[in-house]
C-alpha atoms as a PDB file:
ATOM      1  CA  MET A   1     -41.570 -11.280  20.819  1.00  0.00           C
ATOM      2  CA  THR A   2     -40.007 -14.430  19.344  1.00  0.00           C
ATOM      3  CA  ASN A   3     -37.094 -14.847  16.972  1.00  0.00           C
ATOM      4  CA  THR A   4     -37.908 -17.293  14.190  1.00  0.00           C
ATOM      5  CA  TYR A   5     -34.309 -18.270  13.579  1.00  0.00           C
ATOM      6  CA  PRO A   6     -31.802 -20.022  15.850  1.00  0.00           C
ATOM      7  CA  THR A   7     -28.303 -18.794  16.575  1.00  0.00           C
ATOM      8  CA  TYR A   8     -25.945 -21.734  16.919  1.00  0.00           C
ATOM      9  CA  GLN A   9     -23.274 -21.525  19.590  1.00  0.00           C
ATOM     10  CA  TYR A  10     -20.106 -23.449  20.225  1.00  0.00           C
ATOM     11  CA  SER A  11     -20.687 -26.300  22.646  1.00  0.00           C
ATOM     12  CA  GLU A  12     -19.271 -25.695  26.117  1.00  0.00           C
ATOM     13  CA  GLU A  13     -16.446 -28.134  25.413  1.00  0.00           C
ATOM     14  CA  ASP A  14     -15.584 -26.605  22.048  1.00  0.00           C
ATOM     15  CA  ALA A  15     -15.730 -23.090  23.496  1.00  0.00           C
ATOM     16  CA  LYS A  16     -13.040 -24.060  25.971  1.00  0.00           C
ATOM     17  CA  ASN A  17     -10.863 -26.234  23.760  1.00  0.00           C
ATOM     18  CA  LYS A  18     -11.291 -25.309  20.101  1.00  0.00           C
ATOM     19  CA  LEU A  19     -10.413 -22.175  18.169  1.00  0.00           C
ATOM     20  CA  ALA A  20     -11.461 -23.807  14.899  1.00  0.00           C
ATOM     21  CA  SER A  21     -12.850 -27.092  13.618  1.00  0.00           C
ATOM     22  CA  PHE A  22     -13.319 -28.895  10.305  1.00  0.00           C
ATOM     23  CA  VAL A  23     -16.156 -30.989   8.803  1.00  0.00           C
ATOM     24  CA  ARG A  24     -16.603 -32.703   5.454  1.00  0.00           C
ATOM     25  CA  LEU A  25     -19.673 -31.767   3.394  1.00  0.00           C
ATOM     26  CA  ASP A  26     -19.875 -34.815   1.132  1.00  0.00           C
ATOM     27  CA  ASN A  27     -22.278 -36.849   3.231  1.00  0.00           C
ATOM     28  CA  PRO A  28     -26.052 -36.523   3.733  1.00  0.00           C
ATOM     29  CA  GLN A  29     -25.713 -36.007   7.486  1.00  0.00           C
ATOM     30  CA  SER A  30     -23.561 -32.882   7.382  1.00  0.00           C
ATOM     31  CA  TYR A  31     -25.116 -29.425   7.476  1.00  0.00           C
ATOM     32  CA  PRO A  32     -28.782 -30.501   7.316  1.00  0.00           C
ATOM     33  CA  PHE A  33     -29.994 -26.926   7.877  1.00  0.00           C
ATOM     34  CA  ASP A  34     -33.137 -26.110   5.914  1.00  0.00           C
ATOM     35  CA  SER A  35     -34.189 -22.826   7.501  1.00  0.00           C
ATOM     36  CA  PHE A  36     -32.595 -19.507   8.362  1.00  0.00           C
ATOM     37  CA  HIS A  37     -30.062 -19.635  11.162  1.00  0.00           C
ATOM     38  CA  ALA A  38     -27.062 -17.686  12.355  1.00  0.00           C
ATOM     39  CA  HIS A  39     -23.849 -18.557  14.176  1.00  0.00           C
ATOM     40  CA  SER A  40     -22.062 -16.838  17.005  1.00  0.00           C
ATOM     41  CA  TYR A  41     -18.889 -17.931  15.214  1.00  0.00           C
ATOM     42  CA  ASN A  42     -17.575 -17.488  11.659  1.00  0.00           C
ATOM     43  CA  GLU A  43     -17.762 -20.112   8.941  1.00  0.00           C
ATOM     44  CA  ILE A  44     -16.008 -20.926   5.681  1.00  0.00           C
ATOM     45  CA  MET A  45     -17.590 -23.363   3.231  1.00  0.00           C
ATOM     46  CA  VAL A  46     -15.495 -24.652   0.319  1.00  0.00           C
ATOM     47  CA  PHE A  47     -17.300 -26.494  -2.470  1.00  0.00           C
ATOM     48  CA  PHE A  48     -15.315 -28.660  -4.880  1.00  0.00           C
ATOM     49  CA  LYS A  49     -18.517 -29.988  -6.477  1.00  0.00           C
ATOM     50  CA  GLY A  50     -21.503 -27.672  -6.462  1.00  0.00           C
ATOM     51  CA  GLY A  51     -25.244 -28.129  -6.525  1.00  0.00           C
ATOM     52  CA  GLY A  52     -28.103 -26.479  -4.692  1.00  0.00           C
ATOM     53  CA  THR A  53     -28.532 -22.968  -3.339  1.00  0.00           C
ATOM     54  CA  HIS A  54     -27.192 -20.925  -0.465  1.00  0.00           C
ATOM     55  CA  ASN A  55     -29.283 -18.041   0.848  1.00  0.00           C
ATOM     56  CA  ILE A  56     -27.175 -15.439   2.647  1.00  0.00           C
ATOM     57  CA  ASN A  57     -28.946 -12.454   4.184  1.00  0.00           C
ATOM     58  CA  PHE A  58     -32.081 -13.150   2.120  1.00  0.00           C
ATOM     59  CA  LYS A  59     -30.367 -13.399  -1.261  1.00  0.00           C
ATOM     60  CA  ASN A  60     -30.072 -16.721  -3.096  1.00  0.00           C
ATOM     61  CA  TYR A  61     -26.797 -17.876  -4.620  1.00  0.00           C
ATOM     62  CA  THR A  62     -26.237 -20.974  -6.721  1.00  0.00           C
ATOM     63  CA  ILE A  63     -23.659 -23.273  -5.157  1.00  0.00           C
ATOM     64  CA  GLU A  64     -21.067 -23.477  -7.923  1.00  0.00           C
ATOM     65  CA  SER A  65     -18.268 -25.992  -8.191  1.00  0.00           C
ATOM     66  CA  GLY A  66     -15.028 -24.441  -6.991  1.00  0.00           C
ATOM     67  CA  ALA A  67     -16.423 -21.759  -4.711  1.00  0.00           C
ATOM     68  CA  ILE A  68     -15.635 -20.422  -1.253  1.00  0.00           C
ATOM     69  CA  HIS A  69     -18.531 -19.112   0.835  1.00  0.00           C
ATOM     70  CA  LEU A  70     -17.586 -16.899   3.762  1.00  0.00           C
ATOM     71  CA  ILE A  71     -20.323 -16.491   6.376  1.00  0.00           C
ATOM     72  CA  ALA A  72     -19.685 -13.837   8.995  1.00  0.00           C
ATOM     73  CA  ALA A  73     -20.801 -14.330  12.580  1.00  0.00           C
ATOM     74  CA  HIS A  74     -24.440 -13.315  13.150  1.00  0.00           C
ATOM     75  CA  ASP A  75     -25.310 -13.152   9.446  1.00  0.00           C
ATOM     76  CA  LEU A  76     -28.412 -15.131   8.497  1.00  0.00           C
ATOM     77  CA  HIS A  77     -28.145 -17.952   5.997  1.00  0.00           C
ATOM     78  CA  TRP A  78     -29.487 -21.309   5.005  1.00  0.00           C
ATOM     79  CA  VAL A  79     -27.959 -24.042   2.882  1.00  0.00           C
ATOM     80  CA  GLU A  80     -29.911 -26.283   0.541  1.00  0.00           C
ATOM     81  CA  ARG A  81     -27.083 -28.151  -1.083  1.00  0.00           C
ATOM     82  CA  ALA A  82     -27.317 -31.146  -3.380  1.00  0.00           C
ATOM     83  CA  MET A  83     -26.566 -34.385  -1.573  1.00  0.00           C
ATOM     84  CA  ASP A  84     -23.852 -35.215  -4.106  1.00  0.00           C
ATOM     85  CA  SER A  85     -22.078 -31.898  -3.544  1.00  0.00           C
ATOM     86  CA  GLU A  86     -18.559 -32.172  -2.158  1.00  0.00           C
ATOM     87  CA  GLY A  87     -16.395 -29.958  -0.029  1.00  0.00           C
ATOM     88  CA  PHE A  88     -15.752 -28.985   3.547  1.00  0.00           C
ATOM     89  CA  ALA A  89     -16.569 -26.363   6.143  1.00  0.00           C
ATOM     90  CA  ILE A  90     -14.531 -24.703   8.840  1.00  0.00           C
ATOM     91  CA  VAL A  91     -15.963 -22.850  11.803  1.00  0.00           C
ATOM     92  CA  TYR A  92     -13.707 -20.606  13.812  1.00  0.00           C
ATOM     93  CA  LYS A  93     -13.722 -18.001  16.557  1.00  0.00           C
ATOM     94  CA  ASP A  94     -12.659 -14.393  16.141  1.00  0.00           C
ATOM     95  CA  GLN A  95      -9.764 -15.219  18.458  1.00  0.00           C
ATOM     96  CA  PHE A  96      -8.338 -17.479  15.743  1.00  0.00           C
ATOM     97  CA  LEU A  97      -8.151 -14.538  13.325  1.00  0.00           C
ATOM     98  CA  GLN A  98      -6.508 -12.498  16.044  1.00  0.00           C
ATOM     99  CA  LYS A  99      -3.788 -15.114  16.436  1.00  0.00           C
ATOM    100  CA  LEU A 100      -3.267 -15.185  12.673  1.00  0.00           C
ATOM    101  CA  GLN A 101      -3.105 -11.379  12.759  1.00  0.00           C
ATOM    102  CA  MET A 102      -0.250 -11.503  15.249  1.00  0.00           C
ATOM    103  CA  VAL A 103       1.681 -13.945  13.054  1.00  0.00           C
ATOM    104  CA  ASN A 104       0.898 -12.056   9.823  1.00  0.00           C
ATOM    105  CA  PRO A 105       0.666  -8.362  10.814  1.00  0.00           C
ATOM    106  CA  ASP A 106       0.540  -7.158   7.183  1.00  0.00           C
ATOM    107  CA  ILE A 107      -2.754  -8.929   6.462  1.00  0.00           C
ATOM    108  CA  ASP A 108      -5.940  -7.339   7.778  1.00  0.00           C
ATOM    109  CA  PHE A 109      -7.751 -10.606   8.604  1.00  0.00           C
ATOM    110  CA  THR A 110     -10.481  -8.915  10.650  1.00  0.00           C
ATOM    111  CA  THR A 111     -11.564  -6.623   7.819  1.00  0.00           C
ATOM    112  CA  LEU A 112     -11.235  -9.269   5.100  1.00  0.00           C
ATOM    113  CA  PHE A 113     -13.430 -11.769   6.919  1.00  0.00           C
ATOM    114  CA  ARG A 114     -15.842  -9.292   8.542  1.00  0.00           C
ATOM    115  CA  ASP A 115     -18.506  -9.599   5.812  1.00  0.00           C
ATOM    116  CA  SER A 116     -20.170 -12.571   4.169  1.00  0.00           C
ATOM    117  CA  ARG A 117     -19.187 -13.059   0.541  1.00  0.00           C
ATOM    118  CA  ILE A 118     -18.699 -15.668  -2.182  1.00  0.00           C
ATOM    119  CA  ILE A 119     -15.419 -16.251  -4.021  1.00  0.00           C
ATOM    120  CA  ASN A 120     -15.205 -18.344  -7.197  1.00  0.00           C
ATOM    121  CA  LEU A 121     -11.991 -20.312  -7.645  1.00  0.00           C
ATOM    122  CA  ASP A 122     -10.190 -21.097 -10.859  1.00  0.00           C
ATOM    123  CA  THR A 123      -9.063 -24.634 -11.724  1.00  0.00           C
ATOM    124  CA  ALA A 124      -5.560 -24.216 -10.332  1.00  0.00           C
ATOM    125  CA  ALA A 125      -6.847 -22.813  -7.053  1.00  0.00           C
ATOM    126  CA  ILE A 126      -9.306 -25.688  -6.681  1.00  0.00           C
ATOM    127  CA  GLN A 127      -6.422 -28.132  -6.872  1.00  0.00           C
ATOM    128  CA  GLN A 128      -4.527 -26.187  -4.199  1.00  0.00           C
ATOM    129  CA  TYR A 129      -7.440 -26.298  -1.797  1.00  0.00           C
ATOM    130  CA  THR A 130      -8.005 -29.981  -2.532  1.00  0.00           C
ATOM    131  CA  SER A 131      -4.436 -30.654  -1.425  1.00  0.00           C
ATOM    132  CA  ILE A 132      -4.954 -28.794   1.836  1.00  0.00           C
ATOM    133  CA  THR A 133      -8.197 -30.658   2.456  1.00  0.00           C
ATOM    134  CA  GLN A 134      -6.511 -34.021   1.993  1.00  0.00           C
ATOM    135  CA  GLU A 135      -3.747 -32.990   4.378  1.00  0.00           C
ATOM    136  CA  ILE A 136      -6.358 -32.071   6.975  1.00  0.00           C
ATOM    137  CA  LEU A 137      -8.130 -35.413   6.524  1.00  0.00           C
ATOM    138  CA  ASP A 138      -4.846 -37.279   6.891  1.00  0.00           C
ATOM    139  CA  ASN A 139      -4.050 -35.538  10.181  1.00  0.00           C
ATOM    140  CA  LYS A 140      -7.425 -35.309  11.921  1.00  0.00           C
ATOM    141  CA  GLY A 141      -6.068 -36.642  15.199  1.00  0.00           C
ATOM    142  CA  GLN A 142      -3.280 -34.070  15.468  1.00  0.00           C
ATOM    143  CA  SER A 143      -5.086 -31.047  16.844  1.00  0.00           C
ATOM    144  CA  ALA A 144      -2.105 -28.675  16.917  1.00  0.00           C
ATOM    145  CA  TYR A 145      -1.164 -29.497  13.331  1.00  0.00           C
ATOM    146  CA  MET A 146      -4.837 -29.280  12.333  1.00  0.00           C
ATOM    147  CA  LEU A 147      -4.967 -25.673  13.559  1.00  0.00           C
ATOM    148  CA  GLN A 148      -1.838 -24.916  11.551  1.00  0.00           C
ATOM    149  CA  LEU A 149      -3.475 -26.330   8.423  1.00  0.00           C
ATOM    150  CA  ILE A 150      -6.674 -24.365   8.995  1.00  0.00           C
ATOM    151  CA  GLY A 151      -4.572 -21.255   9.559  1.00  0.00           C
ATOM    152  CA  THR A 152      -2.759 -21.939   6.296  1.00  0.00           C
ATOM    153  CA  LEU A 153      -6.077 -22.243   4.482  1.00  0.00           C
ATOM    154  CA  ILE A 154      -7.437 -18.975   5.879  1.00  0.00           C
ATOM    155  CA  THR A 155      -4.178 -17.185   5.105  1.00  0.00           C
ATOM    156  CA  LYS A 156      -4.242 -18.556   1.560  1.00  0.00           C
ATOM    157  CA  ILE A 157      -7.772 -17.226   1.083  1.00  0.00           C
ATOM    158  CA  ALA A 158      -6.694 -13.831   2.422  1.00  0.00           C
ATOM    159  CA  THR A 159      -3.585 -13.539   0.257  1.00  0.00           C
ATOM    160  CA  ARG A 160      -4.771 -15.227  -2.944  1.00  0.00           C
ATOM    161  CA  GLN A 161      -8.448 -14.297  -3.155  1.00  0.00           C
ATOM    162  CA  PHE A 162      -8.356 -10.722  -1.845  1.00  0.00           C
ATOM    163  CA  ASP A 163      -6.306  -7.666  -2.579  1.00  0.00           C
ATOM    164  CA  ALA A 164      -5.192  -7.785   1.032  1.00  0.00           C
ATOM    165  CA  PRO A 165      -4.309  -4.313   2.335  1.00  0.00           C
ATOM    166  CA  SER A 166      -1.260  -3.623   4.434  1.00  0.00           C
ATOM    167  CA  LEU A 167      -2.104  -2.472   7.954  1.00  0.00           C
ATOM    168  CA  SER A 168      -1.002   0.977   9.005  1.00  0.00           C
ATOM    169  CA  GLY A 169      -0.874  -0.223  12.595  1.00  0.00           C
ATOM    170  CA  THR A 170      -0.539  -3.495  14.453  1.00  0.00           C
ATOM    171  CA  TYR A 171      -2.942  -5.861  16.145  1.00  0.00           C
ATOM    172  CA  ASP A 172      -4.646  -3.968  18.970  1.00  0.00           C
ATOM    173  CA  PRO A 173      -6.060  -5.980  21.908  1.00  0.00           C
ATOM    174  CA  MET A 174      -7.952  -2.910  23.164  1.00  0.00           C
ATOM    175  CA  VAL A 175     -10.045  -2.834  19.989  1.00  0.00           C
ATOM    176  CA  THR A 176     -10.665  -6.554  20.329  1.00  0.00           C
ATOM    177  CA  ARG A 177     -12.013  -6.039  23.853  1.00  0.00           C
ATOM    178  CA  LEU A 178     -14.134  -3.141  22.586  1.00  0.00           C
ATOM    179  CA  ILE A 179     -15.746  -5.338  19.915  1.00  0.00           C
ATOM    180  CA  ALA A 180     -16.650  -7.874  22.602  1.00  0.00           C
ATOM    181  CA  LEU A 181     -18.212  -5.124  24.727  1.00  0.00           C
ATOM    182  CA  ILE A 182     -20.196  -3.789  21.776  1.00  0.00           C
ATOM    183  CA  GLU A 183     -21.525  -7.277  21.099  1.00  0.00           C
ATOM    184  CA  LYS A 184     -22.727  -7.457  24.685  1.00  0.00           C
ATOM    185  CA  ASN A 185     -24.086  -3.909  24.982  1.00  0.00           C
ATOM    186  CA  PHE A 186     -25.090  -2.642  21.530  1.00  0.00           C
ATOM    187  CA  LYS A 187     -28.809  -2.588  22.368  1.00  0.00           C
ATOM    188  CA  GLN A 188     -28.082  -0.186  25.233  1.00  0.00           C
ATOM    189  CA  ARG A 189     -26.346   2.136  22.728  1.00  0.00           C
ATOM    190  CA  LEU A 190     -23.607   3.095  25.147  1.00  0.00           C
ATOM    191  CA  ALA A 191     -21.603   6.252  24.547  1.00  0.00           C
ATOM    192  CA  THR A 192     -17.905   6.217  23.724  1.00  0.00           C
ATOM    193  CA  GLU A 193     -17.233   7.463  27.266  1.00  0.00           C
ATOM    194  CA  ASP A 194     -19.069   4.446  28.702  1.00  0.00           C
ATOM    195  CA  TYR A 195     -16.962   1.996  26.713  1.00  0.00           C
ATOM    196  CA  ALA A 196     -13.833   3.908  27.682  1.00  0.00           C
ATOM    197  CA  LYS A 197     -14.697   3.543  31.370  1.00  0.00           C
ATOM    198  CA  LEU A 198     -15.245  -0.188  30.946  1.00  0.00           C
ATOM    199  CA  LEU A 199     -11.811  -0.416  29.324  1.00  0.00           C
ATOM    200  CA  HIS A 200     -10.204   1.884  31.935  1.00  0.00           C
ATOM    201  CA  VAL A 201      -8.947   4.408  29.378  1.00  0.00           C
ATOM    202  CA  SER A 202      -9.973   7.894  28.307  1.00  0.00           C
ATOM    203  CA  ALA A 203     -12.494   8.362  25.516  1.00  0.00           C
ATOM    204  CA  ARG A 204      -9.843  10.083  23.395  1.00  0.00           C
ATOM    205  CA  THR A 205      -7.421   7.199  23.863  1.00  0.00           C
ATOM    206  CA  LEU A 206     -10.077   4.683  22.863  1.00  0.00           C
ATOM    207  CA  GLN A 207     -11.077   6.678  19.778  1.00  0.00           C
ATOM    208  CA  ASN A 208      -7.446   6.937  18.706  1.00  0.00           C
ATOM    209  CA  HIS A 209      -6.943   3.174  19.031  1.00  0.00           C
ATOM    210  CA  VAL A 210     -10.099   2.427  17.045  1.00  0.00           C
ATOM    211  CA  LYS A 211      -9.234   4.964  14.355  1.00  0.00           C
ATOM    212  CA  GLN A 212      -5.722   3.611  13.927  1.00  0.00           C
ATOM    213  CA  ALA A 213      -6.810  -0.032  13.869  1.00  0.00           C
ATOM    214  CA  SER A 214      -9.928   0.207  11.715  1.00  0.00           C
ATOM    215  CA  GLY A 215     -10.305   3.693  10.280  1.00  0.00           C
ATOM    216  CA  LEU A 216     -13.726   3.838  11.959  1.00  0.00           C
ATOM    217  CA  SER A 217     -15.125   5.351  15.156  1.00  0.00           C
ATOM    218  CA  VAL A 218     -16.665   3.765  18.247  1.00  0.00           C
ATOM    219  CA  PRO A 219     -20.173   5.072  17.405  1.00  0.00           C
ATOM    220  CA  LEU A 220     -19.914   3.721  13.858  1.00  0.00           C
ATOM    221  CA  LEU A 221     -18.843   0.257  15.043  1.00  0.00           C
ATOM    222  CA  GLN A 222     -21.812   0.169  17.389  1.00  0.00           C
ATOM    223  CA  LYS A 223     -24.181   1.495  14.710  1.00  0.00           C
ATOM    224  CA  GLU A 224     -23.144  -1.247  12.268  1.00  0.00           C
ATOM    225  CA  ARG A 225     -23.886  -3.954  14.845  1.00  0.00           C
ATOM    226  CA  LEU A 226     -27.218  -2.389  15.807  1.00  0.00           C
ATOM    227  CA  LEU A 227     -28.257  -2.026  12.175  1.00  0.00           C
ATOM    228  CA  LYS A 228     -27.475  -5.662  11.452  1.00  0.00           C
ATOM    229  CA  GLU A 229     -29.668  -6.718  14.380  1.00  0.00           C
ATOM    230  CA  ALA A 230     -32.474  -4.397  13.279  1.00  0.00           C
ATOM    231  CA  LYS A 231     -32.516  -5.963   9.803  1.00  0.00           C
ATOM    232  CA  LYS A 232     -32.633  -9.458  11.269  1.00  0.00           C
ATOM    233  CA  MET A 233     -35.511  -8.643  13.591  1.00  0.00           C
ATOM    234  CA  LEU A 234     -37.507  -6.908  10.869  1.00  0.00           C
ATOM    235  CA  CYS A 235     -37.279  -9.922   8.586  1.00  0.00           C
ATOM    236  CA  THR A 236     -37.383 -12.822  11.021  1.00  0.00           C
ATOM    237  CA  THR A 237     -39.803 -11.924  13.819  1.00  0.00           C
ATOM    238  CA  ASP A 238     -43.520 -11.266  14.000  1.00  0.00           C
ATOM    239  CA  SER A 239     -42.914  -8.132  16.096  1.00  0.00           C
ATOM    240  CA  ASN A 240     -44.214  -4.800  14.894  1.00  0.00           C
ATOM    241  CA  ILE A 241     -41.977  -1.776  14.316  1.00  0.00           C
ATOM    242  CA  ASN A 242     -42.709  -0.311  17.730  1.00  0.00           C
ATOM    243  CA  GLU A 243     -41.773  -3.547  19.518  1.00  0.00           C
ATOM    244  CA  ILE A 244     -38.571  -3.872  17.527  1.00  0.00           C
ATOM    245  CA  SER A 245     -37.546  -0.290  18.207  1.00  0.00           C
ATOM    246  CA  MET A 246     -38.100  -0.804  21.945  1.00  0.00           C
ATOM    247  CA  GLU A 247     -36.172  -4.091  21.932  1.00  0.00           C
ATOM    248  CA  LEU A 248     -33.238  -2.332  20.270  1.00  0.00           C
ATOM    249  CA  GLY A 249     -33.166   0.419  22.885  1.00  0.00           C
ATOM    250  CA  PHE A 250     -35.013   3.169  20.999  1.00  0.00           C
ATOM    251  CA  LYS A 251     -37.570   4.878  23.236  1.00  0.00           C
ATOM    252  CA  ASP A 252     -39.241   6.638  20.298  1.00  0.00           C
ATOM    253  CA  THR A 253     -40.439   4.666  17.269  1.00  0.00           C
ATOM    254  CA  ALA A 254     -40.352   7.697  14.985  1.00  0.00           C
ATOM    255  CA  TYR A 255     -36.708   8.267  15.870  1.00  0.00           C
ATOM    256  CA  PHE A 256     -35.940   4.606  15.116  1.00  0.00           C
ATOM    257  CA  CYS A 257     -37.663   4.888  11.736  1.00  0.00           C
ATOM    258  CA  ASN A 258     -35.691   8.008  10.837  1.00  0.00           C
ATOM    259  CA  TRP A 259     -32.445   6.404  12.051  1.00  0.00           C
ATOM    260  CA  PHE A 260     -33.078   3.273   9.978  1.00  0.00           C
ATOM    261  CA  LYS A 261     -34.024   5.235   6.858  1.00  0.00           C
ATOM    262  CA  LYS A 262     -30.926   7.401   7.141  1.00  0.00           C
ATOM    263  CA  ALA A 263     -28.770   4.264   7.316  1.00  0.00           C
ATOM    264  CA  THR A 264     -30.528   2.271   4.568  1.00  0.00           C
ATOM    265  CA  THR A 265     -32.549   4.837   2.516  1.00  0.00           C
ATOM    266  CA  ILE A 266     -35.822   2.980   3.235  1.00  0.00           C
ATOM    267  CA  LEU A 267     -38.209   2.857   6.176  1.00  0.00           C
ATOM    268  CA  PRO A 268     -38.265  -0.185   8.498  1.00  0.00           C
ATOM    269  CA  SER A 269     -41.792  -1.072   7.328  1.00  0.00           C
ATOM    270  CA  ALA A 270     -40.658  -1.154   3.703  1.00  0.00           C
ATOM    271  CA  TYR A 271     -37.694  -3.328   4.635  1.00  0.00           C
ATOM    272  CA  LYS A 272     -39.861  -5.691   6.709  1.00  0.00           C
ATOM    273  CA  TYR A 273     -42.545  -6.224   4.086  1.00  0.00           C
ATOM    274  CA  GLY A 274     -40.366  -5.949   0.991  1.00  0.00           C
ATOM    275  CA  LEU A 275     -42.106  -2.840  -0.300  1.00  0.00           C
END
């Protein structure tokens, strides 16, 4: 069974030293991707001058002038932008959002940036982002200040482009560790009690933390991650339904089909072949 899309990782050096990084998009050498790929990190693309298309999770979007494209970690996309398009991209780790969360506890960064989406800017907003971009370009060698500028940009997106909700609780490191464990173990479909043991807390304590921080449950968080992976495999591998169900930890293909249909309203075969 072979995936037909790559998942780009941080380099070993960047993983150790960088929470976020910046790249201009107004040159032919930047972002030359022409096929589906995913990232283990999150990405923000800001286009001052549009042109071309951006396919996110198998849906095409025209790249408009004055648009922000948010690409969540592990979502599939490809960019076919015009070579005269202008803008910039930022890639960042989840840990960067967590640090912003601690500084701005009333903004739910994790929820706001959890899903891929496109935001169209008005003329005034475009000018504001242009100013931030120029400031970043003028201070490329100052890494600490660069992170502050990137943080300012992300916070501006959160506060100006979303109806940012106020958190009922505060940043919870236990939930952050849980998300990392789910990412590592979602194919094994561990029970809440298993995750609780790994975190050295009771299942009830873990559920309470997750409920307060996200309004969700441990099983639902794991289901969302498993469903995302199932959709990717159905659309981007040559594996049959039985092979995919086994790879995802389902011992019975019929059960997998029923599980998938309950979550999406269609059978895996219909999703895979676009029926």
